Amino acid sequence: MTWQYSPYVTVLIIAAVTASLVALYAWHRRDTPGGIYFVLLMVAVAVWAFTGAAESAALTIPAKISF
């Protein structure tokens, strides 16, 4: 699989890492109202940002489809 660097990929990776850290921080405070749902939302954002970065970095159509 061939990868291509783009500034957009860097932004998405930073967003994925940030969302993961926020989810981890919120997990410690999951007893607050809506805490579990916020953690699930941040995990979904992190997965979306990471797969978006992988799709943007992939060059071939089959690789883009797999992400």
N, C-alpha and C. Protein backbone atom coordinates (compact mmCIF):
# COMPACT_ATOMS: atom_id res chain seq x y z
N MET A 1 0.85 -1.17 0.00
CA MET A 1 0.00 0.00 0.00
C MET A 1 0.89 1.23 0.00
N THR A 2 0.60 2.16 -0.90
CA THR A 2 1.38 3.37 -1.04
C THR A 2 0.68 4.53 -0.33
N TRP A 3 1.48 5.36 0.35
CA TRP A 3 0.94 6.48 1.11
C TRP A 3 1.48 7.79 0.55
N GLN A 4 0.71 8.85 0.66
CA GLN A 4 1.12 10.17 0.23
C GLN A 4 0.88 11.15 1.37
N TYR A 5 1.91 11.94 1.67
CA TYR A 5 1.79 12.91 2.76
C TYR A 5 0.99 14.12 2.29
N SER A 6 0.18 14.64 3.19
CA SER A 6 -0.60 15.85 2.94
C SER A 6 -0.78 16.58 4.27
N PRO A 7 -0.80 17.90 4.25
CA PRO A 7 -1.05 18.62 5.51
C PRO A 7 -2.42 18.27 6.12
N TYR A 8 -3.37 17.92 5.28
CA TYR A 8 -4.69 17.52 5.76
C TYR A 8 -4.60 16.27 6.61
N VAL A 9 -3.71 15.35 6.25
CA VAL A 9 -3.52 14.12 7.02
C VAL A 9 -2.99 14.46 8.42
N THR A 10 -2.08 15.40 8.48
CA THR A 10 -1.52 15.81 9.77
C THR A 10 -2.60 16.39 10.68
N VAL A 11 -3.46 17.22 10.12
CA VAL A 11 -4.54 17.82 10.90
C VAL A 11 -5.49 16.75 11.42
N LEU A 12 -5.82 15.77 10.58
CA LEU A 12 -6.71 14.70 11.02
C LEU A 12 -6.08 13.81 12.08
N ILE A 13 -4.80 13.56 11.98
CA ILE A 13 -4.13 12.76 13.01
C ILE A 13 -4.10 13.52 14.34
N ILE A 14 -3.84 14.82 14.28
CA ILE A 14 -3.87 15.62 15.51
C ILE A 14 -5.26 15.62 16.12
N ALA A 15 -6.29 15.69 15.28
CA ALA A 15 -7.67 15.64 15.77
C ALA A 15 -7.98 14.29 16.40
N ALA A 16 -7.49 13.21 15.80
CA ALA A 16 -7.73 11.88 16.35
C ALA A 16 -7.05 11.71 17.71
N VAL A 17 -5.83 12.18 17.81
CA VAL A 17 -5.11 12.08 19.09
C VAL A 17 -5.79 12.93 20.16
N THR A 18 -6.21 14.13 19.79
CA THR A 18 -6.88 15.01 20.74
C THR A 18 -8.20 14.40 21.22
N ALA A 19 -8.98 13.86 20.28
CA ALA A 19 -10.25 13.24 20.67
C ALA A 19 -10.01 12.02 21.56
N SER A 20 -8.96 11.27 21.29
CA SER A 20 -8.63 10.12 22.14
C SER A 20 -8.26 10.55 23.55
N LEU A 21 -7.49 11.61 23.65
CA LEU A 21 -7.11 12.11 24.97
C LEU A 21 -8.31 12.67 25.73
N VAL A 22 -9.21 13.35 25.03
CA VAL A 22 -10.42 13.86 25.67
C VAL A 22 -11.30 12.70 26.13
N ALA A 23 -11.40 11.65 25.31
CA ALA A 23 -12.18 10.48 25.71
C ALA A 23 -11.59 9.81 26.94
N LEU A 24 -10.28 9.72 27.00
CA LEU A 24 -9.62 9.14 28.17
C LEU A 24 -9.86 10.00 29.41
N TYR A 25 -9.77 11.30 29.25
CA TYR A 25 -10.02 12.22 30.36
C TYR A 25 -11.47 12.11 30.83
N ALA A 26 -12.39 12.04 29.89
CA ALA A 26 -13.81 11.95 30.23
C ALA A 26 -14.15 10.59 30.84
N TRP A 27 -13.41 9.56 30.49
CA TRP A 27 -13.69 8.23 31.05
C TRP A 27 -13.50 8.22 32.56
N HIS A 28 -12.54 9.00 33.04
CA HIS A 28 -12.32 9.08 34.50
C HIS A 28 -13.45 9.82 35.20
N ARG A 29 -14.23 10.59 34.45
CA ARG A 29 -15.35 11.34 35.01
C ARG A 29 -16.67 10.87 34.43
N ARG A 30 -16.77 9.58 34.19
CA ARG A 30 -17.96 9.02 33.53
C ARG A 30 -19.18 8.98 34.44
N ASP A 31 -19.03 9.26 35.72
CA ASP A 31 -20.16 9.25 36.63
C ASP A 31 -21.05 10.48 36.49
N THR A 32 -20.56 11.51 35.82
CA THR A 32 -21.37 12.70 35.63
C THR A 32 -22.47 12.42 34.61
N PRO A 33 -23.57 13.16 34.66
CA PRO A 33 -24.66 12.93 33.70
C PRO A 33 -24.17 13.12 32.26
N GLY A 34 -24.41 12.13 31.43
CA GLY A 34 -24.00 12.18 30.03
C GLY A 34 -22.55 11.84 29.79
N GLY A 35 -21.84 11.43 30.82
CA GLY A 35 -20.42 11.15 30.69
C GLY A 35 -20.11 9.99 29.75
N ILE A 36 -20.86 8.92 29.87
CA ILE A 36 -20.64 7.74 29.02
C ILE A 36 -20.89 8.10 27.56
N TYR A 37 -21.96 8.86 27.31
CA TYR A 37 -22.29 9.24 25.93
C TYR A 37 -21.22 10.15 25.34
N PHE A 38 -20.66 11.02 26.17
CA PHE A 38 -19.59 11.89 25.70
C PHE A 38 -18.34 11.08 25.36
N VAL A 39 -18.03 10.10 26.18
CA VAL A 39 -16.89 9.22 25.90
C VAL A 39 -17.11 8.49 24.57
N LEU A 40 -18.31 7.95 24.36
CA LEU A 40 -18.60 7.25 23.11
C LEU A 40 -18.51 8.20 21.92
N LEU A 41 -18.96 9.42 22.08
CA LEU A 41 -18.86 10.40 21.02
C LEU A 41 -17.41 10.71 20.68
N MET A 42 -16.57 10.89 21.68
CA MET A 42 -15.17 11.19 21.43
C MET A 42 -14.43 10.01 20.79
N VAL A 43 -14.80 8.80 21.18
CA VAL A 43 -14.20 7.62 20.55
C VAL A 43 -14.61 7.56 19.08
N ALA A 44 -15.88 7.86 18.79
CA ALA A 44 -16.34 7.86 17.41
C ALA A 44 -15.63 8.94 16.59
N VAL A 45 -15.42 10.11 17.17
CA VAL A 45 -14.70 11.18 16.48
C VAL A 45 -13.26 10.76 16.21
N ALA A 46 -12.63 10.11 17.18
CA ALA A 46 -11.25 9.67 17.00
C ALA A 46 -11.15 8.63 15.88
N VAL A 47 -12.07 7.69 15.85
CA VAL A 47 -12.06 6.67 14.79
C VAL A 47 -12.31 7.32 13.44
N TRP A 48 -13.27 8.24 13.38
CA TRP A 48 -13.57 8.93 12.13
C TRP A 48 -12.35 9.71 11.63
N ALA A 49 -11.68 10.44 12.52
CA ALA A 49 -10.53 11.25 12.11
C ALA A 49 -9.37 10.36 11.66
N PHE A 50 -9.14 9.26 12.36
CA PHE A 50 -8.04 8.38 11.99
C PHE A 50 -8.30 7.72 10.64
N THR A 51 -9.52 7.21 10.43
CA THR A 51 -9.81 6.58 9.15
C THR A 51 -9.86 7.61 8.02
N GLY A 52 -10.28 8.82 8.32
CA GLY A 52 -10.23 9.88 7.32
C GLY A 52 -8.81 10.22 6.92
N ALA A 53 -7.91 10.23 7.89
CA ALA A 53 -6.50 10.47 7.59
C ALA A 53 -5.92 9.33 6.76
N ALA A 54 -6.27 8.10 7.10
CA ALA A 54 -5.77 6.96 6.34
C ALA A 54 -6.32 6.97 4.91
N GLU A 55 -7.59 7.33 4.77
CA GLU A 55 -8.17 7.40 3.42
C GLU A 55 -7.52 8.50 2.59
N SER A 56 -7.24 9.63 3.21
CA SER A 56 -6.61 10.73 2.48
C SER A 56 -5.17 10.41 2.11
N ALA A 57 -4.50 9.64 2.92
CA ALA A 57 -3.11 9.30 2.65
C ALA A 57 -2.96 8.18 1.63
N ALA A 58 -3.97 7.33 1.51
CA ALA A 58 -3.90 6.22 0.57
C ALA A 58 -3.99 6.74 -0.87
N LEU A 59 -3.28 6.08 -1.76
CA LEU A 59 -3.25 6.52 -3.15
C LEU A 59 -4.15 5.71 -4.07
N THR A 60 -4.30 4.43 -3.82
CA THR A 60 -5.06 3.59 -4.73
C THR A 60 -6.53 3.56 -4.33
N ILE A 61 -7.38 3.32 -5.29
CA ILE A 61 -8.82 3.27 -5.05
C ILE A 61 -9.20 2.12 -4.12
N PRO A 62 -8.66 0.91 -4.28
CA PRO A 62 -9.02 -0.16 -3.34
C PRO A 62 -8.63 0.16 -1.89
N ALA A 63 -7.51 0.83 -1.70
CA ALA A 63 -7.11 1.22 -0.35
C ALA A 63 -8.06 2.26 0.22
N LYS A 64 -8.49 3.21 -0.60
CA LYS A 64 -9.43 4.22 -0.14
C LYS A 64 -10.77 3.59 0.22
N ILE A 65 -11.20 2.60 -0.56
CA ILE A 65 -12.46 1.93 -0.29
C ILE A 65 -12.38 1.14 1.01
N SER A 66 -11.23 0.53 1.29
CA SER A 66 -11.12 -0.27 2.51
C SER A 66 -11.18 0.61 3.77
N PHE A 67 -10.78 1.86 3.65
CA PHE A 67 -10.88 2.76 4.80
C PHE A 67 -12.22 3.44 4.82
